[in-house]
Amino acid sequence: MQNVVLIIHLLLALALIGVVLLQRSEGGGLGIGGGGMGPQAGRPPLTGLAKLTWGFAGAFILTSLALTVIGASNSTETSVLERLGFPTAPATPDAGTSIPLPDIQLPPAGDAPVLPPRQD
């Protein structure tokens, strides 16, 4: 199922790219040019290509959401390396094993001032 949705998603992406490239530029994209309309002319009605672009964009978003849902439902507790057969380190140590701690000198307990170590 995921492969079918992925193929549809890729076809929609290619169709969306093609339809956007076929459209005529309306000008003013980056403040350059201005087209033939004045500032009070309003938006022109949607053309067939613009409606097709909106349809492809909506379908592209729906397939993106579908792929996310399918991917989340297919996720497992094992990692990719475990599925390939590579050994992995345990996430937490066993109860019987202890982790060696580094030799750290803690400050003295109580109200005694903390002094730097002496150089003997």
C-alpha atoms as a PDB file:
ATOM      1  CA  MET A   1       0.000   0.000   0.000  1.00  0.00           C
ATOM      2  CA  GLN A   2       2.823   2.374   0.859  1.00  0.00           C
ATOM      3  CA  ASN A   3       4.482   1.796  -2.531  1.00  0.00           C
ATOM      4  CA  VAL A   4       1.261   2.602  -4.398  1.00  0.00           C
ATOM      5  CA  VAL A   5       0.768   5.856  -2.492  1.00  0.00           C
ATOM      6  CA  LEU A   6       4.438   6.720  -2.989  1.00  0.00           C
ATOM      7  CA  ILE A   7       4.200   6.240  -6.770  1.00  0.00           C
ATOM      8  CA  ILE A   8       1.047   8.391  -6.888  1.00  0.00           C
ATOM      9  CA  HIS A   9       2.845  10.995  -4.787  1.00  0.00           C
ATOM     10  CA  LEU A  10       5.808  11.108  -7.178  1.00  0.00           C
ATOM     11  CA  LEU A  11       3.527  11.358 -10.218  1.00  0.00           C
ATOM     12  CA  LEU A  12       1.630  14.205  -8.573  1.00  0.00           C
ATOM     13  CA  ALA A  13       4.917  15.993  -7.869  1.00  0.00           C
ATOM     14  CA  LEU A  14       5.963  15.736 -11.514  1.00  0.00           C
ATOM     15  CA  ALA A  15       2.519  16.846 -12.715  1.00  0.00           C
ATOM     16  CA  LEU A  16       2.550  19.796 -10.326  1.00  0.00           C
ATOM     17  CA  ILE A  17       5.974  20.878 -11.581  1.00  0.00           C
ATOM     18  CA  GLY A  18       4.806  20.624 -15.185  1.00  0.00           C
ATOM     19  CA  VAL A  19       1.570  22.552 -14.648  1.00  0.00           C
ATOM     20  CA  VAL A  20       3.339  25.350 -12.772  1.00  0.00           C
ATOM     21  CA  LEU A  21       5.923  25.683 -15.547  1.00  0.00           C
ATOM     22  CA  LEU A  22       3.193  25.844 -18.209  1.00  0.00           C
ATOM     23  CA  GLN A  23       1.432  28.780 -16.593  1.00  0.00           C
ATOM     24  CA  ARG A  24       1.899  32.307 -17.845  1.00  0.00           C
ATOM     25  CA  SER A  25       3.692  34.633 -15.460  1.00  0.00           C
ATOM     26  CA  GLU A  26       1.400  37.289 -13.988  1.00  0.00           C
ATOM     27  CA  GLY A  27       4.274  39.648 -13.239  1.00  0.00           C
ATOM     28  CA  GLY A  28       5.233  41.261  -9.962  1.00  0.00           C
ATOM     29  CA  GLY A  29       6.727  38.071  -8.600  1.00  0.00           C
ATOM     30  CA  LEU A  30       9.606  39.793  -6.807  1.00  0.00           C
ATOM     31  CA  GLY A  31       8.393  43.327  -7.273  1.00  0.00           C
ATOM     32  CA  ILE A  32       9.726  43.296 -10.815  1.00  0.00           C
ATOM     33  CA  GLY A  33       7.485  44.246 -13.688  1.00  0.00           C
ATOM     34  CA  GLY A  34       3.834  44.859 -13.142  1.00  0.00           C
ATOM     35  CA  GLY A  35       1.762  43.173 -15.773  1.00  0.00           C
ATOM     36  CA  GLY A  36      -0.998  44.996 -17.631  1.00  0.00           C
ATOM     37  CA  MET A  37      -3.236  45.564 -14.627  1.00  0.00           C
ATOM     38  CA  GLY A  38      -3.302  48.553 -12.320  1.00  0.00           C
ATOM     39  CA  PRO A  39      -3.308  48.385  -8.533  1.00  0.00           C
ATOM     40  CA  GLN A  40      -7.125  48.446  -8.366  1.00  0.00           C
ATOM     41  CA  ALA A  41      -7.853  45.871 -11.041  1.00  0.00           C
ATOM     42  CA  GLY A  42      -8.255  42.953  -8.603  1.00  0.00           C
ATOM     43  CA  ARG A  43      -7.414  39.343  -9.245  1.00  0.00           C
ATOM     44  CA  PRO A  44      -8.247  37.783 -12.584  1.00  0.00           C
ATOM     45  CA  PRO A  45     -10.542  34.734 -12.582  1.00  0.00           C
ATOM     46  CA  LEU A  46      -8.856  31.354 -12.196  1.00  0.00           C
ATOM     47  CA  THR A  47      -7.846  29.720 -15.449  1.00  0.00           C
ATOM     48  CA  GLY A  48      -8.016  26.018 -16.135  1.00  0.00           C
ATOM     49  CA  LEU A  49      -4.316  25.599 -15.407  1.00  0.00           C
ATOM     50  CA  ALA A  50      -4.666  27.432 -12.099  1.00  0.00           C
ATOM     51  CA  LYS A  51      -7.536  25.160 -11.057  1.00  0.00           C
ATOM     52  CA  LEU A  52      -5.487  22.141 -12.102  1.00  0.00           C
ATOM     53  CA  THR A  53      -2.566  23.440 -10.038  1.00  0.00           C
ATOM     54  CA  TRP A  54      -4.778  23.758  -6.957  1.00  0.00           C
ATOM     55  CA  GLY A  55      -6.115  20.242  -7.514  1.00  0.00           C
ATOM     56  CA  PHE A  56      -2.643  18.729  -7.871  1.00  0.00           C
ATOM     57  CA  ALA A  57      -1.423  20.655  -4.820  1.00  0.00           C
ATOM     58  CA  GLY A  58      -4.334  19.404  -2.709  1.00  0.00           C
ATOM     59  CA  ALA A  59      -3.801  15.817  -3.838  1.00  0.00           C
ATOM     60  CA  PHE A  60      -0.063  16.160  -3.145  1.00  0.00           C
ATOM     61  CA  ILE A  61      -0.768  17.279   0.431  1.00  0.00           C
ATOM     62  CA  LEU A  62      -3.223  14.413   0.944  1.00  0.00           C
ATOM     63  CA  THR A  63      -0.724  11.823  -0.268  1.00  0.00           C
ATOM     64  CA  SER A  64       1.943  13.389   1.980  1.00  0.00           C
ATOM     65  CA  LEU A  65      -0.355  12.967   4.974  1.00  0.00           C
ATOM     66  CA  ALA A  66      -1.240   9.419   3.907  1.00  0.00           C
ATOM     67  CA  LEU A  67       2.434   8.474   3.639  1.00  0.00           C
ATOM     68  CA  THR A  68       3.055   9.904   7.108  1.00  0.00           C
ATOM     69  CA  VAL A  69       0.203   7.886   8.623  1.00  0.00           C
ATOM     70  CA  ILE A  70       1.231   4.688   6.824  1.00  0.00           C
ATOM     71  CA  GLY A  71       4.865   5.157   7.852  1.00  0.00           C
ATOM     72  CA  ALA A  72       3.912   5.703  11.485  1.00  0.00           C
ATOM     73  CA  SER A  73       1.721   2.603  11.546  1.00  0.00           C
ATOM     74  CA  ASN A  74       4.467   0.462   9.988  1.00  0.00           C
ATOM     75  CA  SER A  75       7.139   1.544  12.466  1.00  0.00           C
ATOM     76  CA  THR A  76       8.489  -1.154  14.736  1.00  0.00           C
ATOM     77  CA  GLU A  77      10.431  -1.284  17.957  1.00  0.00           C
ATOM     78  CA  THR A  78      13.525  -2.721  16.267  1.00  0.00           C
ATOM     79  CA  SER A  79      16.091  -0.562  14.568  1.00  0.00           C
ATOM     80  CA  VAL A  80      17.170  -0.799  10.965  1.00  0.00           C
ATOM     81  CA  LEU A  81      20.565  -2.200  12.029  1.00  0.00           C
ATOM     82  CA  GLU A  82      18.900  -5.007  13.984  1.00  0.00           C
ATOM     83  CA  ARG A  83      16.802  -5.945  10.959  1.00  0.00           C
ATOM     84  CA  LEU A  84      19.977  -6.119   8.855  1.00  0.00           C
ATOM     85  CA  GLY A  85      21.619  -8.436  11.376  1.00  0.00           C
ATOM     86  CA  PHE A  86      24.179  -6.088  12.938  1.00  0.00           C
ATOM     87  CA  PRO A  87      24.565  -6.415  16.702  1.00  0.00           C
ATOM     88  CA  THR A  88      23.636  -3.342  18.680  1.00  0.00           C
ATOM     89  CA  ALA A  89      24.496  -2.307  22.220  1.00  0.00           C
ATOM     90  CA  PRO A  90      21.729  -2.625  24.798  1.00  0.00           C
ATOM     91  CA  ALA A  91      19.947   0.623  25.606  1.00  0.00           C
ATOM     92  CA  THR A  92      20.133   0.044  29.381  1.00  0.00           C
ATOM     93  CA  PRO A  93      22.529  -2.167  31.340  1.00  0.00           C
ATOM     94  CA  ASP A  94      21.268  -5.339  32.990  1.00  0.00           C
ATOM     95  CA  ALA A  95      20.385  -5.240  36.665  1.00  0.00           C
ATOM     96  CA  GLY A  96      23.272  -7.591  37.539  1.00  0.00           C
ATOM     97  CA  THR A  97      26.014  -5.515  35.933  1.00  0.00           C
ATOM     98  CA  SER A  98      27.409  -2.353  37.397  1.00  0.00           C
ATOM     99  CA  ILE A  99      28.941   0.534  35.528  1.00  0.00           C
ATOM    100  CA  PRO A 100      32.370   1.569  36.861  1.00  0.00           C
ATOM    101  CA  LEU A 101      32.339   5.166  38.051  1.00  0.00           C
ATOM    102  CA  PRO A 102      35.308   7.466  37.538  1.00  0.00           C
ATOM    103  CA  ASP A 103      37.448   8.363  40.556  1.00  0.00           C
ATOM    104  CA  ILE A 104      35.930  11.687  41.547  1.00  0.00           C
ATOM    105  CA  GLN A 105      36.748  13.526  44.772  1.00  0.00           C
ATOM    106  CA  LEU A 106      33.635  15.087  46.202  1.00  0.00           C
ATOM    107  CA  PRO A 107      33.756  18.196  48.374  1.00  0.00           C
ATOM    108  CA  PRO A 108      33.599  17.644  52.132  1.00  0.00           C
ATOM    109  CA  ALA A 109      30.170  17.470  53.678  1.00  0.00           C
ATOM    110  CA  GLY A 110      29.132  20.088  56.191  1.00  0.00           C
ATOM    111  CA  ASP A 111      29.762  23.777  56.522  1.00  0.00           C
ATOM    112  CA  ALA A 112      33.519  23.666  56.001  1.00  0.00           C
ATOM    113  CA  PRO A 113      34.801  26.071  53.331  1.00  0.00           C
ATOM    114  CA  VAL A 114      35.774  24.534  50.057  1.00  0.00           C
ATOM    115  CA  LEU A 115      39.502  24.970  49.474  1.00  0.00           C
ATOM    116  CA  PRO A 116      41.597  24.083  46.474  1.00  0.00           C
ATOM    117  CA  PRO A 117      43.650  20.874  46.837  1.00  0.00           C
ATOM    118  CA  ARG A 118      47.098  21.175  48.417  1.00  0.00           C
ATOM    119  CA  GLN A 119      50.207  20.630  46.392  1.00  0.00           C
ATOM    120  CA  ASP A 120      52.186  18.091  48.452  1.00  0.00           C
END
